[in-house]
Amino acid sequence: MGISRHLVATLRVVRALGHVLGGLWTIHRSFGRLTPVERQQHVQAWSQQMLRIIGVALRTGGELPANGPVLLVANHISWLDILVLNAVRPARFVSKADVKHWPLLGTLITGAGTLYIERESRRDAMRVVHHMVEALREGDVLAVFPEGTTGDGRELLPFHANVLQAPIAAPAPVQPVALAYLDAATGQRSDAPTYIGDTTLVASLWRTFSSPPLVAAVQLAPPEPHAGRDRRAWAHDLRNTIGARAESLAPAAARSLA
């Protein structure tokens, strides 16, 4: 990578840091006085601007949920996923507890209303499901990554079915969402944003900031009720739906970019 790419990455980091600090100031100063709709508007605008700073364009297909209750269920590739989904349609995320401790980003994600779960604790999982049911009954849009951790974007990990207890109990529909990250020039899948294995958050951030322009491709399938399925059967069906749509995103994006 030449010095120009290092320079571009450094400039992106500086601009992104300023944008993060601006978001923290908004949360501290005015978030508590905003209506839920106004908060969503701020979160969406902030997320869209951050993607522009990083050099990530959005390509979205399918029908966006106008209102809740609905649970968005997506495959999980990167720390970017939350930004991308909030840029498309702001939601309250259900996330593993260590995200709360990410430098700066954790405060922003918490401020957006994230529900945190200690995945090793069965009791905590039941607590979070209870809060999810309450939020869905109040008409919220929630989002969850049922793989439980990030993958490479090519093959989905098994889905944890317990997250589907909430939409069954509420009851509320689930909307499958497929994500993929593509090289903007070629339309081929990019590994730059992946956050897997022994990769640190800092290393993943730098690799993303220093990459050529990217496309975040998002495909939303129609919302679906559980229709009498138990949560394991529903998780299996959702995984198949998301996997098929994620597989189709790269060639579809390549055609749209040609």
C-alpha atoms as a PDB file:
ATOM      1  CA  MET A   1       0.000   0.000   0.000  1.00  0.00           C
ATOM      2  CA  GLY A   2       1.492   3.356  -1.057  1.00  0.00           C
ATOM      3  CA  ILE A   3       1.887   6.438   1.051  1.00  0.00           C
ATOM      4  CA  SER A   4      -1.199   8.002  -0.553  1.00  0.00           C
ATOM      5  CA  ARG A   5      -3.367   5.190   0.839  1.00  0.00           C
ATOM      6  CA  HIS A   6      -1.856   5.755   4.291  1.00  0.00           C
ATOM      7  CA  LEU A   7      -2.647   9.450   3.947  1.00  0.00           C
ATOM      8  CA  VAL A   8      -6.239   8.748   2.929  1.00  0.00           C
ATOM      9  CA  ALA A   9      -6.647   6.391   5.889  1.00  0.00           C
ATOM     10  CA  THR A  10      -5.183   8.931   8.300  1.00  0.00           C
ATOM     11  CA  LEU A  11      -7.498  11.672   7.053  1.00  0.00           C
ATOM     12  CA  ARG A  12     -10.463   9.320   7.416  1.00  0.00           C
ATOM     13  CA  VAL A  13      -9.441   8.492  10.979  1.00  0.00           C
ATOM     14  CA  VAL A  14      -9.166  12.170  11.902  1.00  0.00           C
ATOM     15  CA  ARG A  15     -12.556  13.015  10.380  1.00  0.00           C
ATOM     16  CA  ALA A  16     -14.174   9.948  11.944  1.00  0.00           C
ATOM     17  CA  LEU A  17     -12.797  10.821  15.365  1.00  0.00           C
ATOM     18  CA  GLY A  18     -14.257  14.309  15.083  1.00  0.00           C
ATOM     19  CA  HIS A  19     -17.589  12.819  14.028  1.00  0.00           C
ATOM     20  CA  VAL A  20     -17.558  10.427  16.995  1.00  0.00           C
ATOM     21  CA  LEU A  21     -16.827  13.273  19.411  1.00  0.00           C
ATOM     22  CA  GLY A  22     -19.680  15.252  17.866  1.00  0.00           C
ATOM     23  CA  GLY A  23     -22.002  12.300  18.390  1.00  0.00           C
ATOM     24  CA  LEU A  24     -20.919  11.951  22.015  1.00  0.00           C
ATOM     25  CA  TRP A  25     -21.600  15.650  22.566  1.00  0.00           C
ATOM     26  CA  THR A  26     -25.101  15.278  21.086  1.00  0.00           C
ATOM     27  CA  ILE A  27     -25.848  12.324  23.372  1.00  0.00           C
ATOM     28  CA  HIS A  28     -24.578  14.201  26.416  1.00  0.00           C
ATOM     29  CA  ARG A  29     -26.244  17.501  25.635  1.00  0.00           C
ATOM     30  CA  SER A  30     -29.582  16.854  23.951  1.00  0.00           C
ATOM     31  CA  PHE A  31     -30.441  13.175  23.426  1.00  0.00           C
ATOM     32  CA  GLY A  32     -32.478  12.992  26.615  1.00  0.00           C
ATOM     33  CA  ARG A  33     -34.767  15.798  25.434  1.00  0.00           C
ATOM     34  CA  LEU A  34     -35.502  14.316  22.007  1.00  0.00           C
ATOM     35  CA  THR A  35     -38.556  12.286  21.068  1.00  0.00           C
ATOM     36  CA  PRO A  36     -37.970   8.674  19.937  1.00  0.00           C
ATOM     37  CA  VAL A  37     -38.532   9.713  16.314  1.00  0.00           C
ATOM     38  CA  GLU A  38     -36.044  12.566  16.624  1.00  0.00           C
ATOM     39  CA  ARG A  39     -33.470  10.219  18.161  1.00  0.00           C
ATOM     40  CA  GLN A  40     -33.893   7.820  15.257  1.00  0.00           C
ATOM     41  CA  GLN A  41     -33.413  10.673  12.790  1.00  0.00           C
ATOM     42  CA  HIS A  42     -30.209  11.736  14.548  1.00  0.00           C
ATOM     43  CA  VAL A  43     -28.894   8.163  14.672  1.00  0.00           C
ATOM     44  CA  GLN A  44     -29.646   7.593  10.979  1.00  0.00           C
ATOM     45  CA  ALA A  45     -28.086  10.878   9.838  1.00  0.00           C
ATOM     46  CA  TRP A  46     -25.015  10.329  12.039  1.00  0.00           C
ATOM     47  CA  SER A  47     -24.548   6.775  10.739  1.00  0.00           C
ATOM     48  CA  GLN A  48     -24.923   7.806   7.106  1.00  0.00           C
ATOM     49  CA  GLN A  49     -22.333  10.556   7.535  1.00  0.00           C
ATOM     50  CA  MET A  50     -19.906   8.189   9.244  1.00  0.00           C
ATOM     51  CA  LEU A  51     -20.165   5.749   6.349  1.00  0.00           C
ATOM     52  CA  ARG A  52     -19.396   8.573   3.919  1.00  0.00           C
ATOM     53  CA  ILE A  53     -16.348   9.518   5.989  1.00  0.00           C
ATOM     54  CA  ILE A  54     -15.078   5.933   5.965  1.00  0.00           C
ATOM     55  CA  GLY A  55     -15.684   5.614   2.221  1.00  0.00           C
ATOM     56  CA  VAL A  56     -18.587   3.166   2.334  1.00  0.00           C
ATOM     57  CA  ALA A  57     -21.545   3.584  -0.029  1.00  0.00           C
ATOM     58  CA  LEU A  58     -24.954   2.022   0.681  1.00  0.00           C
ATOM     59  CA  ARG A  59     -26.893  -0.209  -1.722  1.00  0.00           C
ATOM     60  CA  THR A  60     -30.262  -1.219  -0.324  1.00  0.00           C
ATOM     61  CA  GLY A  61     -32.950  -3.500  -1.702  1.00  0.00           C
ATOM     62  CA  GLY A  62     -36.269  -4.656  -0.313  1.00  0.00           C
ATOM     63  CA  GLU A  63     -38.925  -2.991   1.793  1.00  0.00           C
ATOM     64  CA  LEU A  64     -37.849  -0.993   4.840  1.00  0.00           C
ATOM     65  CA  PRO A  65     -39.947  -1.378   8.003  1.00  0.00           C
ATOM     66  CA  ALA A  66     -41.727   1.949   8.499  1.00  0.00           C
ATOM     67  CA  ASN A  67     -42.723   1.165  12.078  1.00  0.00           C
ATOM     68  CA  GLY A  68     -42.523  -1.573  14.661  1.00  0.00           C
ATOM     69  CA  PRO A  69     -43.045  -3.916  16.148  1.00  0.00           C
ATOM     70  CA  VAL A  70     -40.519  -5.909  14.141  1.00  0.00           C
ATOM     71  CA  LEU A  71     -37.292  -7.753  14.851  1.00  0.00           C
ATOM     72  CA  LEU A  72     -34.595  -7.341  12.206  1.00  0.00           C
ATOM     73  CA  VAL A  73     -32.409 -10.459  11.986  1.00  0.00           C
ATOM     74  CA  ALA A  74     -29.127 -10.126  10.061  1.00  0.00           C
ATOM     75  CA  ASN A  75     -25.904 -11.977   9.359  1.00  0.00           C
ATOM     76  CA  HIS A  76     -22.893 -10.581  11.197  1.00  0.00           C
ATOM     77  CA  ILE A  77     -19.606  -9.684   9.489  1.00  0.00           C
ATOM     78  CA  SER A  78     -18.127  -6.567  11.057  1.00  0.00           C
ATOM     79  CA  TRP A  79     -18.301  -3.792  13.636  1.00  0.00           C
ATOM     80  CA  LEU A  80     -19.614  -1.828  10.638  1.00  0.00           C
ATOM     81  CA  ASP A  81     -22.871  -3.823  10.627  1.00  0.00           C
ATOM     82  CA  ILE A  82     -24.516  -1.689  13.314  1.00  0.00           C
ATOM     83  CA  LEU A  83     -23.590   1.505  11.472  1.00  0.00           C
ATOM     84  CA  VAL A  84     -24.909   0.128   8.192  1.00  0.00           C
ATOM     85  CA  LEU A  85     -28.228  -1.041   9.593  1.00  0.00           C
ATOM     86  CA  ASN A  86     -28.726   2.217  11.493  1.00  0.00           C
ATOM     87  CA  ALA A  87     -27.994   4.115   8.270  1.00  0.00           C
ATOM     88  CA  VAL A  88     -30.697   2.078   6.529  1.00  0.00           C
ATOM     89  CA  ARG A  89     -33.272   1.917   9.329  1.00  0.00           C
ATOM     90  CA  PRO A  90     -32.427   2.865  12.949  1.00  0.00           C
ATOM     91  CA  ALA A  91     -33.168   0.124  15.459  1.00  0.00           C
ATOM     92  CA  ARG A  92     -32.443  -0.872  19.036  1.00  0.00           C
ATOM     93  CA  PHE A  93     -29.783  -3.563  18.868  1.00  0.00           C
ATOM     94  CA  VAL A  94     -29.331  -6.619  21.021  1.00  0.00           C
ATOM     95  CA  SER A  95     -25.572  -7.035  21.352  1.00  0.00           C
ATOM     96  CA  LYS A  96     -22.981  -8.891  23.388  1.00  0.00           C
ATOM     97  CA  ALA A  97     -21.944  -7.000  26.500  1.00  0.00           C
ATOM     98  CA  ASP A  98     -18.305  -6.422  25.524  1.00  0.00           C
ATOM     99  CA  VAL A  99     -19.421  -4.009  22.773  1.00  0.00           C
ATOM    100  CA  LYS A 100     -20.338  -1.604  25.576  1.00  0.00           C
ATOM    101  CA  HIS A 101     -16.630  -1.304  26.409  1.00  0.00           C
ATOM    102  CA  TRP A 102     -15.406  -0.461  22.899  1.00  0.00           C
ATOM    103  CA  PRO A 103     -13.514   2.856  23.031  1.00  0.00           C
ATOM    104  CA  LEU A 104     -15.851   5.762  22.144  1.00  0.00           C
ATOM    105  CA  LEU A 105     -18.034   3.591  19.890  1.00  0.00           C
ATOM    106  CA  GLY A 106     -19.408   1.744  22.903  1.00  0.00           C
ATOM    107  CA  THR A 107     -20.776   4.957  24.383  1.00  0.00           C
ATOM    108  CA  LEU A 108     -22.471   5.840  21.101  1.00  0.00           C
ATOM    109  CA  ILE A 109     -23.982   2.373  20.691  1.00  0.00           C
ATOM    110  CA  THR A 110     -25.235   2.444  24.277  1.00  0.00           C
ATOM    111  CA  GLY A 111     -26.717   5.910  23.769  1.00  0.00           C
ATOM    112  CA  ALA A 112     -28.750   4.586  20.841  1.00  0.00           C
ATOM    113  CA  GLY A 113     -30.654   2.276  23.204  1.00  0.00           C
ATOM    114  CA  THR A 114     -28.777  -1.025  22.783  1.00  0.00           C
ATOM    115  CA  LEU A 115     -29.799  -3.987  24.948  1.00  0.00           C
ATOM    116  CA  TYR A 116     -26.716  -5.857  26.168  1.00  0.00           C
ATOM    117  CA  ILE A 117     -26.524  -9.553  26.890  1.00  0.00           C
ATOM    118  CA  GLU A 118     -23.966 -11.676  28.733  1.00  0.00           C
ATOM    119  CA  ARG A 119     -24.037 -14.588  26.307  1.00  0.00           C
ATOM    120  CA  GLU A 120     -22.478 -17.031  28.772  1.00  0.00           C
ATOM    121  CA  SER A 121     -25.265 -16.448  31.285  1.00  0.00           C
ATOM    122  CA  ARG A 122     -28.568 -18.250  30.748  1.00  0.00           C
ATOM    123  CA  ARG A 123     -30.223 -16.060  33.377  1.00  0.00           C
ATOM    124  CA  ASP A 124     -29.082 -12.906  31.592  1.00  0.00           C
ATOM    125  CA  ALA A 125     -30.382 -14.261  28.296  1.00  0.00           C
ATOM    126  CA  MET A 126     -33.842 -14.643  29.866  1.00  0.00           C
ATOM    127  CA  ARG A 127     -33.621 -11.079  31.203  1.00  0.00           C
ATOM    128  CA  VAL A 128     -32.844  -9.704  27.755  1.00  0.00           C
ATOM    129  CA  VAL A 129     -35.635 -11.742  26.131  1.00  0.00           C
ATOM    130  CA  HIS A 130     -38.034 -10.229  28.668  1.00  0.00           C
ATOM    131  CA  HIS A 131     -36.905  -6.694  27.740  1.00  0.00           C
ATOM    132  CA  MET A 132     -37.148  -7.553  24.048  1.00  0.00           C
ATOM    133  CA  VAL A 133     -40.754  -8.675  24.507  1.00  0.00           C
ATOM    134  CA  GLU A 134     -41.563  -5.427  26.315  1.00  0.00           C
ATOM    135  CA  ALA A 135     -39.917  -3.338  23.585  1.00  0.00           C
ATOM    136  CA  LEU A 136     -41.710  -5.169  20.794  1.00  0.00           C
ATOM    137  CA  ARG A 137     -45.058  -4.792  22.545  1.00  0.00           C
ATOM    138  CA  GLU A 138     -44.357  -1.055  22.748  1.00  0.00           C
ATOM    139  CA  GLY A 139     -43.880  -0.967  18.971  1.00  0.00           C
ATOM    140  CA  ASP A 140     -40.069  -0.778  18.769  1.00  0.00           C
ATOM    141  CA  VAL A 141     -37.866  -1.881  15.894  1.00  0.00           C
ATOM    142  CA  LEU A 142     -35.210  -4.222  17.325  1.00  0.00           C
ATOM    143  CA  ALA A 143     -32.218  -5.782  15.576  1.00  0.00           C
ATOM    144  CA  VAL A 144     -30.150  -8.833  16.423  1.00  0.00           C
ATOM    145  CA  PHE A 145     -27.326 -10.908  14.961  1.00  0.00           C
ATOM    146  CA  PRO A 146     -28.372 -14.505  15.747  1.00  0.00           C
ATOM    147  CA  GLU A 147     -24.974 -15.967  14.809  1.00  0.00           C
ATOM    148  CA  GLY A 148     -23.770 -14.477  18.096  1.00  0.00           C
ATOM    149  CA  THR A 149     -20.404 -13.494  16.651  1.00  0.00           C
ATOM    150  CA  THR A 150     -18.928 -12.254  13.390  1.00  0.00           C
ATOM    151  CA  GLY A 151     -18.249 -14.518  10.411  1.00  0.00           C
ATOM    152  CA  ASP A 152     -16.452 -14.145   7.093  1.00  0.00           C
ATOM    153  CA  GLY A 153     -19.593 -13.134   5.195  1.00  0.00           C
ATOM    154  CA  ARG A 154     -19.456 -16.191   2.949  1.00  0.00           C
ATOM    155  CA  GLU A 155     -20.857 -18.966   5.103  1.00  0.00           C
ATOM    156  CA  LEU A 156     -23.299 -18.271   7.906  1.00  0.00           C
ATOM    157  CA  LEU A 157     -22.652 -19.651  11.361  1.00  0.00           C
ATOM    158  CA  PRO A 158     -25.480 -21.486  13.170  1.00  0.00           C
ATOM    159  CA  PHE A 159     -28.249 -19.220  14.452  1.00  0.00           C
ATOM    160  CA  HIS A 160     -29.016 -19.050  18.170  1.00  0.00           C
ATOM    161  CA  ALA A 161     -32.726 -19.763  18.356  1.00  0.00           C
ATOM    162  CA  ASN A 162     -33.314 -18.251  21.811  1.00  0.00           C
ATOM    163  CA  VAL A 163     -33.425 -14.704  20.365  1.00  0.00           C
ATOM    164  CA  LEU A 164     -36.633 -15.710  18.560  1.00  0.00           C
ATOM    165  CA  GLN A 165     -38.489 -16.367  21.786  1.00  0.00           C
ATOM    166  CA  ALA A 166     -39.229 -12.633  22.028  1.00  0.00           C
ATOM    167  CA  PRO A 167     -41.084 -12.262  18.698  1.00  0.00           C
ATOM    168  CA  ILE A 168     -42.978 -15.470  19.431  1.00  0.00           C
ATOM    169  CA  ALA A 169     -44.059 -14.198  22.862  1.00  0.00           C
ATOM    170  CA  ALA A 170     -44.796 -10.597  21.847  1.00  0.00           C
ATOM    171  CA  PRO A 171     -45.955 -11.607  19.142  1.00  0.00           C
ATOM    172  CA  ALA A 172     -44.163  -9.699  16.365  1.00  0.00           C
ATOM    173  CA  PRO A 173     -42.863 -10.387  12.855  1.00  0.00           C
ATOM    174  CA  VAL A 174     -39.223 -10.952  11.991  1.00  0.00           C
ATOM    175  CA  GLN A 175     -37.602  -9.364   8.941  1.00  0.00           C
ATOM    176  CA  PRO A 176     -34.543 -11.182   7.525  1.00  0.00           C
ATOM    177  CA  VAL A 177     -31.685  -8.893   6.416  1.00  0.00           C
ATOM    178  CA  ALA A 178     -28.653  -9.950   4.366  1.00  0.00           C
ATOM    179  CA  LEU A 179     -25.402  -7.959   4.494  1.00  0.00           C
ATOM    180  CA  ALA A 180     -22.305  -8.041   2.303  1.00  0.00           C
ATOM    181  CA  TYR A 181     -19.294  -5.767   1.830  1.00  0.00           C
ATOM    182  CA  LEU A 182     -18.040  -5.278  -1.702  1.00  0.00           C
ATOM    183  CA  ASP A 183     -15.199  -3.558  -3.495  1.00  0.00           C
ATOM    184  CA  ALA A 184     -16.847  -0.549  -5.142  1.00  0.00           C
ATOM    185  CA  ALA A 185     -14.699  -0.865  -8.277  1.00  0.00           C
ATOM    186  CA  THR A 186     -15.272  -4.555  -8.981  1.00  0.00           C
ATOM    187  CA  GLY A 187     -18.411  -5.538  -7.086  1.00  0.00           C
ATOM    188  CA  GLN A 188     -16.539  -8.496  -5.590  1.00  0.00           C
ATOM    189  CA  ARG A 189     -16.652  -9.297  -1.907  1.00  0.00           C
ATOM    190  CA  SER A 190     -14.174  -7.416   0.258  1.00  0.00           C
ATOM    191  CA  ASP A 191     -12.615  -8.841   3.407  1.00  0.00           C
ATOM    192  CA  ALA A 192     -11.481  -5.396   4.597  1.00  0.00           C
ATOM    193  CA  PRO A 193     -14.290  -4.870   7.141  1.00  0.00           C
ATOM    194  CA  THR A 194     -14.270  -8.421   8.541  1.00  0.00           C
ATOM    195  CA  TYR A 195     -13.657  -8.731  12.267  1.00  0.00           C
ATOM    196  CA  ILE A 196     -12.968 -12.384  12.974  1.00  0.00           C
ATOM    197  CA  GLY A 197     -10.443 -14.678  14.582  1.00  0.00           C
ATOM    198  CA  ASP A 198      -7.493 -13.009  16.251  1.00  0.00           C
ATOM    199  CA  THR A 199      -8.080  -9.668  14.500  1.00  0.00           C
ATOM    200  CA  THR A 200      -8.218  -6.812  17.002  1.00  0.00           C
ATOM    201  CA  LEU A 201     -10.772  -4.022  16.759  1.00  0.00           C
ATOM    202  CA  VAL A 202      -7.991  -1.507  16.066  1.00  0.00           C
ATOM    203  CA  ALA A 203      -6.570  -3.670  13.257  1.00  0.00           C
ATOM    204  CA  SER A 204     -10.007  -4.107  11.714  1.00  0.00           C
ATOM    205  CA  LEU A 205     -10.678  -0.375  11.922  1.00  0.00           C
ATOM    206  CA  TRP A 206      -7.381   0.503  10.236  1.00  0.00           C
ATOM    207  CA  ARG A 207      -7.851  -2.097   7.493  1.00  0.00           C
ATOM    208  CA  THR A 208     -11.313  -0.698   6.748  1.00  0.00           C
ATOM    209  CA  PHE A 209     -10.192   2.937   6.823  1.00  0.00           C
ATOM    210  CA  SER A 210      -7.250   2.202   4.523  1.00  0.00           C
ATOM    211  CA  SER A 211      -9.184   0.124   1.980  1.00  0.00           C
ATOM    212  CA  PRO A 212     -10.356   1.357  -1.429  1.00  0.00           C
ATOM    213  CA  PRO A 213     -14.000   2.563  -1.545  1.00  0.00           C
ATOM    214  CA  LEU A 214     -16.472  -0.056  -0.373  1.00  0.00           C
ATOM    215  CA  VAL A 215     -20.147  -0.814  -0.885  1.00  0.00           C
ATOM    216  CA  ALA A 216     -22.321  -2.065   1.968  1.00  0.00           C
ATOM    217  CA  ALA A 217     -24.996  -4.121   0.219  1.00  0.00           C
ATOM    218  CA  VAL A 218     -28.184  -4.646   2.230  1.00  0.00           C
ATOM    219  CA  GLN A 219     -31.098  -6.815   1.135  1.00  0.00           C
ATOM    220  CA  LEU A 220     -34.285  -6.935   3.216  1.00  0.00           C
ATOM    221  CA  ALA A 221     -36.620  -9.902   2.776  1.00  0.00           C
ATOM    222  CA  PRO A 222     -40.341  -9.505   3.561  1.00  0.00           C
ATOM    223  CA  PRO A 223     -41.269  -9.638   7.273  1.00  0.00           C
ATOM    224  CA  GLU A 224     -42.666 -12.972   8.386  1.00  0.00           C
ATOM    225  CA  PRO A 225     -44.664 -14.226  11.405  1.00  0.00           C
ATOM    226  CA  HIS A 226     -43.618 -17.366  13.235  1.00  0.00           C
ATOM    227  CA  ALA A 227     -46.700 -19.111  11.779  1.00  0.00           C
ATOM    228  CA  GLY A 228     -46.741 -21.850  14.389  1.00  0.00           C
ATOM    229  CA  ARG A 229     -43.049 -22.728  14.052  1.00  0.00           C
ATOM    230  CA  ASP A 230     -41.005 -23.288  17.169  1.00  0.00           C
ATOM    231  CA  ARG A 231     -37.946 -21.094  17.537  1.00  0.00           C
ATOM    232  CA  ARG A 232     -35.494 -23.709  16.268  1.00  0.00           C
ATOM    233  CA  ALA A 233     -37.447 -24.301  13.069  1.00  0.00           C
ATOM    234  CA  TRP A 234     -37.872 -20.555  12.597  1.00  0.00           C
ATOM    235  CA  ALA A 235     -34.133 -19.964  13.124  1.00  0.00           C
ATOM    236  CA  HIS A 236     -33.357 -22.629  10.521  1.00  0.00           C
ATOM    237  CA  ASP A 237     -35.704 -21.032   7.974  1.00  0.00           C
ATOM    238  CA  LEU A 238     -34.356 -17.530   8.641  1.00  0.00           C
ATOM    239  CA  ARG A 239     -30.767 -18.727   8.228  1.00  0.00           C
ATOM    240  CA  ASN A 240     -31.644 -20.243   4.851  1.00  0.00           C
ATOM    241  CA  THR A 241     -33.373 -17.049   3.708  1.00  0.00           C
ATOM    242  CA  ILE A 242     -30.525 -14.766   4.779  1.00  0.00           C
ATOM    243  CA  GLY A 243     -27.867 -17.108   3.420  1.00  0.00           C
ATOM    244  CA  ALA A 244     -29.493 -17.257  -0.017  1.00  0.00           C
ATOM    245  CA  ARG A 245     -29.873 -13.483  -0.223  1.00  0.00           C
ATOM    246  CA  ALA A 246     -26.351 -12.826   1.033  1.00  0.00           C
ATOM    247  CA  GLU A 247     -25.007 -15.199  -1.605  1.00  0.00           C
ATOM    248  CA  SER A 248     -26.792 -13.241  -4.338  1.00  0.00           C
ATOM    249  CA  LEU A 249     -25.597  -9.796  -3.224  1.00  0.00           C
ATOM    250  CA  ALA A 250     -22.120  -9.789  -4.790  1.00  0.00           C
ATOM    251  CA  PRO A 251     -23.126 -10.595  -8.385  1.00  0.00           C
ATOM    252  CA  ALA A 252     -26.188  -8.356  -8.088  1.00  0.00           C
ATOM    253  CA  ALA A 253     -24.056  -5.469  -6.872  1.00  0.00           C
ATOM    254  CA  ALA A 254     -21.494  -6.116  -9.581  1.00  0.00           C
ATOM    255  CA  ARG A 255     -24.190  -5.774 -12.232  1.00  0.00           C
ATOM    256  CA  SER A 256     -25.491  -2.536 -10.664  1.00  0.00           C
ATOM    257  CA  LEU A 257     -21.976  -1.082 -10.589  1.00  0.00           C
ATOM    258  CA  ALA A 258     -21.095  -2.108 -14.154  1.00  0.00           C
END
